[in-house]
Amino acid sequence: MHPPQVRIPATYMRGGTSKGVFFRLADLPEAARVPGPARDALWLRVVGSPDPYGKQIDGMGNGTSSTSKAVLVSSSTRPDHDVDYLFGQVAIDQAVVDWSGNCGNLSAAVGPFAIAQGLIDPTRVPHDGLCTVRIWQANIGKTIVAHVPMSDGAVQETGDFELDGVTFPAAEIALEFMEPADDGEGAMFPTGNLVDRLDVPGLGTFNATLINAGIPTVFVNAQEIGLTGVELQAQINDDSGRLAAFEAIRTAGALAMGLIQYASEAGARQHTPKVAYVAPAQSYIASSGKNVAAGEIDLCVRALSMGKLHHAMMGTCAVAIGTAAAVPGTLVNLAAGGGAREAVRFGHPSGTLRVGAKARFANGVWTVTKALMSRSARVLMEGMVRV
């Protein structure tokens, strides 16, 4: 006799340029309310992984890193926070859920979800205007403040805010990533250097900025690795040799940052670190056909997520870009023209994005107080997901 499917309340949401399945902690089966194999198995089955076909046809995923995601939200027991937010990045062709980092794009959907689910003190939710939602990002132990627009007592989802990488406009949600760098002296730059010489076995030695802000990220120069900085997805993702080279760079960076002890561990930690490459501003045609002029951006950035070039830019990597750009001498800062700056607009495969960061140098250490960017989010479907 075959058991029936389990029905779990869930909401399918877009946040930024990502999509994911959102759950309330209290709605999960009891075994999945705590970290461990049961929760991992649930995440995998919900999105349809592992799938050797790479399509996730039998789940809610869409066969890309941007859509193979699930989120857990609960009321926060921490002072001065409204909700706790836990993110799981699900591998597509492997039975792996990576809990090592945040999703900056889906962070934009956490506030709207929490409000709609009644997880915010009603006295703090305005009938109209902006609702400030204080989020504890449990994966990395950081605070995110979301400013969610309200209209007539409900979350406003429609609007005229346009985000490259998302087809339709929506309401703007401003996000503040508070003290996004790792804690501890020198932790924002784990090696203590703004630029390292990174030895990548089989490829050579490259300049690299290794930063832990928003998400651990390895930045390299496009020119040094034989690229221009204006590539679109197919130019990278259809080249297995190029993807293998990026994974080698990512692995070398993870070792240098102390995120793994052995190169063999990188495969089980696909979500972090990210690897990105930068180049000076130049004109190109985005994947939508939109012309991006060199004069409207400060630099070009391309980033890989879960082994593939991202179609736009991960939100957490955008935080890393903004933070690194604010520190004179990093590869990101130099690609943007150098000097002190508190914001950059960069070109990515789908268009452009502006991100700000406030960094300061004191007692020989760089710190960043917060990074800022705007995203949008909306509910795509709500009800029961079956597994």
Protein backbone atom coordinates (compact mmCIF):
# COMPACT_ATOMS: atom_id res chain seq x y z
CA MET A 1 0.00 0.00 0.00
CA HIS A 2 1.35 3.40 -0.98
CA PRO A 3 1.08 6.26 1.54
CA PRO A 4 -0.82 9.44 0.59
CA GLN A 5 0.96 12.72 -0.05
CA VAL A 6 1.53 15.12 2.82
CA ARG A 7 -0.12 18.55 2.48
CA ILE A 8 1.78 21.52 3.96
CA PRO A 9 0.65 25.17 3.98
CA ALA A 10 3.05 27.16 1.82
CA THR A 11 3.38 30.32 -0.24
CA TYR A 12 5.24 30.50 -3.55
CA MET A 13 6.87 33.93 -3.85
CA ARG A 14 9.13 35.96 -6.06
CA GLY A 15 11.68 38.05 -4.25
CA GLY A 16 13.97 40.17 -6.41
CA THR A 17 15.18 37.99 -9.28
CA SER A 18 14.58 34.71 -7.40
CA LYS A 19 11.59 32.51 -6.57
CA GLY A 20 11.11 30.18 -3.63
CA VAL A 21 8.66 28.25 -1.47
CA PHE A 22 7.98 29.96 1.87
CA PHE A 23 6.92 28.10 5.02
CA ARG A 24 6.00 29.06 8.55
CA LEU A 25 7.90 26.98 11.09
CA ALA A 26 4.71 25.98 12.88
CA ASP A 27 3.24 24.54 9.67
CA LEU A 28 6.04 22.03 9.04
CA PRO A 29 5.73 18.35 9.95
CA GLU A 30 7.08 17.94 13.47
CA ALA A 31 10.26 16.13 12.38
CA ALA A 32 11.14 19.01 10.04
CA ARG A 33 10.76 21.74 12.66
CA VAL A 34 14.35 21.19 13.74
CA PRO A 35 17.49 21.15 11.56
CA GLY A 36 18.47 17.75 10.26
CA PRO A 37 17.78 15.05 7.66
CA ALA A 38 13.98 15.38 7.81
CA ARG A 39 14.07 19.09 6.97
CA ASP A 40 16.64 18.54 4.21
CA ALA A 41 14.52 15.74 2.73
CA LEU A 42 11.45 18.00 2.76
CA TRP A 43 13.29 20.87 1.03
CA LEU A 44 14.60 18.49 -1.63
CA ARG A 45 11.23 16.90 -2.34
CA VAL A 46 9.38 20.22 -2.42
CA VAL A 47 11.58 21.67 -5.17
CA GLY A 48 12.07 18.33 -6.97
CA SER A 49 15.70 17.43 -6.33
CA PRO A 50 17.88 15.60 -7.03
CA ASP A 51 16.89 15.54 -10.69
CA PRO A 52 19.34 14.00 -13.17
CA TYR A 53 17.38 15.70 -15.96
CA GLY A 54 18.09 19.10 -14.40
CA LYS A 55 14.50 20.33 -14.85
CA GLN A 56 12.85 19.70 -11.43
CA ILE A 57 9.65 18.74 -13.25
CA ASP A 58 8.33 16.85 -10.21
CA GLY A 59 8.66 19.79 -7.83
CA MET A 60 8.38 23.54 -7.44
CA GLY A 61 11.87 24.33 -8.73
CA ASN A 62 12.49 25.54 -12.28
CA GLY A 63 15.90 24.03 -12.94
CA THR A 64 17.98 27.10 -12.05
CA SER A 65 19.80 28.22 -8.93
CA SER A 66 17.49 31.26 -8.79
CA THR A 67 14.40 29.07 -8.44
CA SER A 68 15.68 26.07 -6.44
CA LYS A 69 15.06 27.62 -3.04
CA ALA A 70 12.95 27.33 0.09
CA VAL A 71 12.54 29.61 3.08
CA LEU A 72 11.49 29.14 6.70
CA VAL A 73 10.06 32.06 8.72
CA SER A 74 9.02 32.19 12.36
CA SER A 75 8.34 34.77 15.06
CA SER A 76 11.62 35.93 16.53
CA THR A 77 12.61 35.42 20.15
CA ARG A 78 15.47 37.88 19.70
CA PRO A 79 15.16 41.40 21.11
CA ASP A 80 14.39 44.11 18.56
CA HIS A 81 13.57 41.61 15.80
CA ASP A 82 10.20 40.59 14.37
CA VAL A 83 10.98 37.33 12.58
CA ASP A 84 13.71 34.76 12.10
CA TYR A 85 14.46 33.86 8.48
CA LEU A 86 16.28 30.68 7.44
CA PHE A 87 17.20 30.01 3.82
CA GLY A 88 18.00 26.71 2.12
CA GLN A 89 19.66 26.64 -1.31
CA VAL A 90 18.76 23.31 -2.92
CA ALA A 91 21.10 21.69 -5.43
CA ILE A 92 19.41 20.64 -8.65
CA ASP A 93 21.12 17.37 -9.54
CA GLN A 94 22.41 16.40 -6.10
CA ALA A 95 20.73 15.55 -2.77
CA VAL A 96 22.28 18.60 -1.10
CA VAL A 97 20.73 21.52 0.76
CA ASP A 98 23.24 24.26 1.49
CA TRP A 99 22.43 26.29 4.61
CA SER A 100 25.72 28.23 4.66
CA GLY A 101 24.48 31.56 3.33
CA ASN A 102 21.61 33.95 2.74
CA CYS A 103 19.58 34.74 -0.37
CA GLY A 104 19.55 38.51 -0.77
CA ASN A 105 16.81 38.45 -3.38
CA LEU A 106 14.38 36.37 -1.34
CA SER A 107 15.17 38.61 1.64
CA ALA A 108 12.84 41.10 -0.07
CA ALA A 109 9.93 38.66 0.22
CA VAL A 110 10.39 37.85 3.92
CA GLY A 111 8.79 41.08 5.16
CA PRO A 112 5.69 40.80 2.96
CA PHE A 113 5.30 37.12 3.88
CA ALA A 114 5.64 37.85 7.60
CA ILE A 115 3.05 40.63 7.46
CA ALA A 116 0.56 38.55 5.47
CA GLN A 117 1.00 35.58 7.81
CA GLY A 118 0.31 37.64 10.93
CA LEU A 119 3.83 37.27 12.31
CA ILE A 120 4.25 41.01 12.93
CA ASP A 121 2.75 42.82 15.93
CA PRO A 122 -0.40 44.45 14.48
CA THR A 123 0.37 47.67 16.34
CA ARG A 124 3.51 48.01 14.21
CA VAL A 125 1.74 47.51 10.88
CA PRO A 126 0.37 50.77 9.42
CA HIS A 127 -2.82 50.85 7.39
CA ASP A 128 -0.96 52.84 4.75
CA GLY A 129 2.68 53.80 4.35
CA LEU A 130 5.79 51.78 5.13
CA CYS A 131 5.97 48.88 7.56
CA THR A 132 9.46 48.33 8.96
CA VAL A 133 10.16 44.62 9.43
CA ARG A 134 13.21 43.68 11.49
CA ILE A 135 14.53 40.34 10.23
CA TRP A 136 17.07 38.07 11.87
CA GLN A 137 18.90 36.21 9.08
CA ALA A 138 19.60 32.94 10.89
CA ASN A 139 22.00 31.43 8.34
CA ILE A 140 24.61 34.13 8.87
CA GLY A 141 23.48 35.74 12.13
CA LYS A 142 22.81 39.20 10.70
CA THR A 143 20.02 41.77 10.77
CA ILE A 144 18.09 42.86 7.68
CA VAL A 145 15.61 45.73 7.85
CA ALA A 146 12.89 45.68 5.19
CA HIS A 147 10.67 48.68 4.46
CA VAL A 148 7.48 47.18 3.03
CA PRO A 149 4.82 49.43 1.44
CA MET A 150 1.28 49.03 2.78
CA SER A 151 -1.94 50.08 1.07
CA ASP A 152 -5.42 49.88 2.59
CA GLY A 153 -4.26 47.51 5.32
CA ALA A 154 -2.48 45.03 3.05
CA VAL A 155 0.98 44.61 1.57
CA GLN A 156 1.23 46.64 -1.62
CA GLU A 157 2.55 44.45 -4.42
CA THR A 158 1.79 46.44 -7.56
CA GLY A 159 3.74 49.54 -8.45
CA ASP A 160 6.05 51.16 -10.98
CA PHE A 161 9.43 50.05 -9.58
CA GLU A 162 11.39 48.28 -12.33
CA LEU A 163 14.12 45.76 -11.57
CA ASP A 164 16.32 44.49 -14.38
CA GLY A 165 15.96 40.72 -14.53
CA VAL A 166 12.24 40.88 -13.64
CA THR A 167 9.77 41.35 -16.48
CA PHE A 168 7.00 43.31 -14.78
CA PRO A 169 7.12 46.35 -12.46
CA ALA A 170 6.02 46.08 -8.83
CA ALA A 171 6.16 47.97 -5.54
CA GLU A 172 9.60 48.94 -4.28
CA ILE A 173 10.93 47.33 -1.08
CA ALA A 174 14.01 49.02 0.39
CA LEU A 175 16.41 46.69 2.20
CA GLU A 176 19.10 47.54 4.72
CA PHE A 177 21.69 44.83 5.38
CA MET A 178 23.06 45.84 8.77
CA GLU A 179 26.76 45.24 9.48
CA PRO A 180 26.84 42.67 6.65
CA ALA A 181 30.51 41.75 7.05
CA ASP A 182 31.70 38.85 9.18
CA ASP A 183 32.35 39.63 12.83
CA GLY A 184 35.83 39.76 14.31
CA GLU A 185 38.96 41.73 13.58
CA GLY A 186 39.82 41.75 9.88
CA ALA A 187 37.00 39.30 9.13
CA MET A 188 35.58 41.36 6.25
CA PHE A 189 38.79 40.49 4.42
CA PRO A 190 39.60 37.02 5.81
CA THR A 191 43.21 37.06 4.61
CA GLY A 192 43.79 40.59 5.89
CA ASN A 193 44.49 41.80 2.34
CA LEU A 194 42.43 43.90 -0.05
CA VAL A 195 44.01 42.01 -2.95
CA ASP A 196 45.61 38.55 -2.80
CA ARG A 197 47.57 36.53 -5.30
CA LEU A 198 45.36 33.45 -5.59
CA ASP A 199 47.06 30.28 -6.78
CA VAL A 200 44.60 28.13 -8.73
CA PRO A 201 45.99 24.66 -9.52
CA GLY A 202 46.00 24.00 -13.25
CA LEU A 203 45.11 27.58 -14.17
CA GLY A 204 47.73 29.90 -12.71
CA THR A 205 47.89 32.73 -10.22
CA PHE A 206 45.44 35.62 -10.29
CA ASN A 207 44.74 38.80 -8.39
CA ALA A 208 41.69 38.32 -6.18
CA THR A 209 39.71 40.25 -3.61
CA LEU A 210 38.33 37.86 -1.00
CA ILE A 211 35.54 39.48 0.99
CA ASN A 212 32.91 38.32 3.44
CA ALA A 213 30.12 40.88 3.30
CA GLY A 214 26.59 39.83 2.43
CA ILE A 215 28.03 36.50 1.35
CA PRO A 216 31.61 35.23 1.03
CA THR A 217 32.73 36.23 -2.47
CA VAL A 218 35.84 35.76 -4.59
CA PHE A 219 36.34 38.64 -7.04
CA VAL A 220 38.78 38.36 -9.96
CA ASN A 221 39.53 40.58 -12.95
CA ALA A 222 37.80 39.61 -16.19
CA GLN A 223 40.87 40.36 -18.30
CA GLU A 224 43.13 38.10 -16.22
CA ILE A 225 40.90 35.08 -16.88
CA GLY A 226 40.44 35.81 -20.58
CA LEU A 227 36.99 37.40 -20.44
CA THR A 228 35.58 40.87 -21.18
CA GLY A 229 33.09 41.35 -18.34
CA VAL A 230 30.06 41.72 -20.63
CA GLU A 231 29.34 38.03 -21.26
CA LEU A 232 25.77 36.73 -21.18
CA GLN A 233 24.69 33.40 -19.73
CA ALA A 234 25.10 31.17 -22.78
CA GLN A 235 28.68 32.29 -23.37
CA ILE A 236 29.67 30.90 -19.97
CA ASN A 237 27.12 28.22 -19.17
CA ASP A 238 27.51 26.42 -22.50
CA ASP A 239 31.27 26.14 -21.98
CA SER A 240 32.02 23.22 -19.65
CA GLY A 241 35.71 24.04 -19.58
CA ARG A 242 35.02 27.60 -18.50
CA LEU A 243 32.65 26.42 -15.76
CA ALA A 244 35.28 24.00 -14.48
CA ALA A 245 37.80 26.84 -14.35
CA PHE A 246 35.41 28.97 -12.31
CA GLU A 247 34.85 26.11 -9.90
CA ALA A 248 38.62 25.78 -9.50
CA ILE A 249 38.86 29.51 -8.73
CA ARG A 250 35.96 29.23 -6.28
CA THR A 251 37.58 26.27 -4.53
CA ALA A 252 40.93 28.05 -4.24
CA GLY A 253 39.14 31.08 -2.82
CA ALA A 254 37.23 28.96 -0.31
CA LEU A 255 40.50 27.47 0.91
CA ALA A 256 42.17 30.87 1.18
CA MET A 257 39.19 32.26 3.10
CA GLY A 258 39.20 29.35 5.52
CA LEU A 259 35.70 28.24 4.56
CA ILE A 260 36.90 24.70 3.82
CA GLN A 261 39.98 22.75 4.85
CA TYR A 262 40.29 20.53 1.79
CA ALA A 263 39.46 21.10 -1.86
CA SER A 264 37.25 17.99 -1.81
CA GLU A 265 34.84 19.79 0.53
CA ALA A 266 33.89 22.45 -2.03
CA GLY A 267 31.31 20.27 -3.79
CA ALA A 268 29.17 20.00 -0.65
CA ARG A 269 29.32 23.78 -0.13
CA GLN A 270 28.08 25.04 -3.48
CA HIS A 271 26.20 28.09 -2.22
CA THR A 272 29.27 29.74 -0.71
CA PRO A 273 31.58 31.31 -1.59
CA LYS A 274 30.38 33.00 -4.74
CA VAL A 275 32.82 33.76 -7.53
CA ALA A 276 32.49 36.93 -9.61
CA TYR A 277 34.57 38.80 -12.15
CA VAL A 278 34.78 42.53 -12.71
CA ALA A 279 35.72 44.86 -15.55
CA PRO A 280 35.65 48.62 -16.17
CA ALA A 281 32.40 50.11 -17.45
CA GLN A 282 31.69 49.35 -21.10
CA SER A 283 28.64 49.30 -23.34
CA TYR A 284 26.85 46.05 -24.13
CA ILE A 285 23.46 44.61 -24.99
CA ALA A 286 21.72 42.92 -22.04
CA SER A 287 19.88 39.61 -22.30
CA SER A 288 16.56 41.49 -22.69
CA GLY A 289 17.92 43.35 -25.72
CA LYS A 290 18.30 46.54 -23.68
CA ASN A 291 21.31 48.70 -24.47
CA VAL A 292 23.49 49.35 -21.44
CA ALA A 293 25.71 52.36 -22.05
CA ALA A 294 29.12 52.62 -20.42
CA GLY A 295 28.25 56.12 -19.24
CA GLU A 296 25.35 54.93 -17.08
CA ILE A 297 27.34 52.40 -15.01
CA ASP A 298 30.49 52.43 -12.89
CA LEU A 299 31.67 48.90 -13.72
CA CYS A 300 30.60 45.53 -15.10
CA VAL A 301 30.18 42.47 -12.89
CA ARG A 302 29.27 38.87 -13.67
CA ALA A 303 28.72 36.32 -10.90
CA LEU A 304 28.20 32.58 -10.71
CA SER A 305 25.72 30.83 -8.44
CA MET A 306 25.62 27.07 -7.90
CA GLY A 307 28.11 26.56 -10.72
CA LYS A 308 26.37 28.66 -13.40
CA LEU A 309 26.49 32.29 -14.48
CA HIS A 310 23.56 34.07 -12.84
CA HIS A 311 20.99 35.65 -15.16
CA ALA A 312 21.16 38.93 -13.22
CA MET A 313 22.83 39.37 -9.82
CA MET A 314 22.37 37.63 -6.49
CA GLY A 315 21.28 40.10 -3.81
CA THR A 316 23.91 38.96 -1.35
CA CYS A 317 26.61 39.27 -4.00
CA ALA A 318 25.34 42.79 -4.73
CA VAL A 319 26.01 43.57 -1.05
CA ALA A 320 29.55 42.24 -1.50
CA ILE A 321 29.96 44.38 -4.63
CA GLY A 322 28.74 47.53 -2.90
CA THR A 323 30.92 46.89 0.14
CA ALA A 324 34.06 46.11 -1.86
CA ALA A 325 33.46 49.15 -4.07
CA ALA A 326 33.41 51.34 -0.96
CA VAL A 327 36.91 50.22 0.07
CA PRO A 328 39.66 51.90 -2.00
CA GLY A 329 42.08 49.40 -3.47
CA THR A 330 39.89 46.32 -3.91
CA LEU A 331 39.49 44.91 -7.41
CA VAL A 332 35.85 46.03 -7.42
CA ASN A 333 36.79 49.55 -6.37
CA LEU A 334 39.58 49.77 -8.96
CA ALA A 335 37.30 48.51 -11.75
CA ALA A 336 34.87 51.27 -10.80
CA GLY A 337 37.62 53.87 -11.15
CA GLY A 338 39.04 53.87 -7.62
CA GLY A 339 38.64 56.43 -4.87
CA ALA A 340 36.11 56.79 -2.08
CA ARG A 341 32.48 56.07 -2.91
CA GLU A 342 29.29 55.16 -1.08
CA ALA A 343 27.34 53.70 -4.02
CA VAL A 344 27.91 52.08 -7.39
CA ARG A 345 25.74 51.17 -10.33
CA PHE A 346 27.01 48.07 -12.05
CA GLY A 347 26.10 46.27 -15.23
CA HIS A 348 25.03 42.61 -15.05
CA PRO A 349 23.67 40.23 -17.73
CA SER A 350 20.08 41.51 -17.41
CA GLY A 351 20.81 45.21 -17.04
CA THR A 352 21.96 47.42 -14.18
CA LEU A 353 21.66 47.64 -10.39
CA ARG A 354 22.56 50.31 -7.86
CA VAL A 355 23.81 49.33 -4.41
CA GLY A 356 25.14 51.50 -1.62
CA ALA A 357 27.43 50.76 1.32
CA LYS A 358 28.95 52.80 4.11
CA ALA A 359 32.45 51.59 4.98
CA ARG A 360 35.00 53.04 7.39
CA PHE A 361 38.62 52.36 8.30
CA ALA A 362 39.51 52.45 12.00
CA ASN A 363 42.30 50.88 14.02
CA GLY A 364 43.70 49.25 10.91
CA VAL A 365 40.46 47.42 10.07
CA TRP A 366 37.76 48.04 7.46
CA THR A 367 34.16 47.74 8.61
CA VAL A 368 30.85 48.43 6.94
CA THR A 369 27.82 49.65 8.89
CA LYS A 370 25.20 48.76 6.32
CA ALA A 371 24.51 48.10 2.67
CA LEU A 372 21.38 49.31 0.92
CA MET A 373 19.46 48.31 -2.17
CA SER A 374 15.91 48.12 -3.47
CA ARG A 375 14.07 45.03 -4.61
CA SER A 376 10.45 44.00 -5.16
CA ALA A 377 8.43 40.92 -4.24
CA ARG A 378 5.01 39.42 -4.70
CA VAL A 379 2.99 36.30 -3.96
CA LEU A 380 2.72 33.98 -6.97
CA MET A 381 0.58 31.28 -5.37
CA GLU A 382 -0.54 30.27 -1.90
CA GLY A 383 -2.21 27.24 -0.44
CA MET A 384 -0.82 23.73 0.09
CA VAL A 385 2.31 22.18 -1.33
CA ARG A 386 2.22 18.37 -1.55
CA VAL A 387 5.10 15.99 -1.01
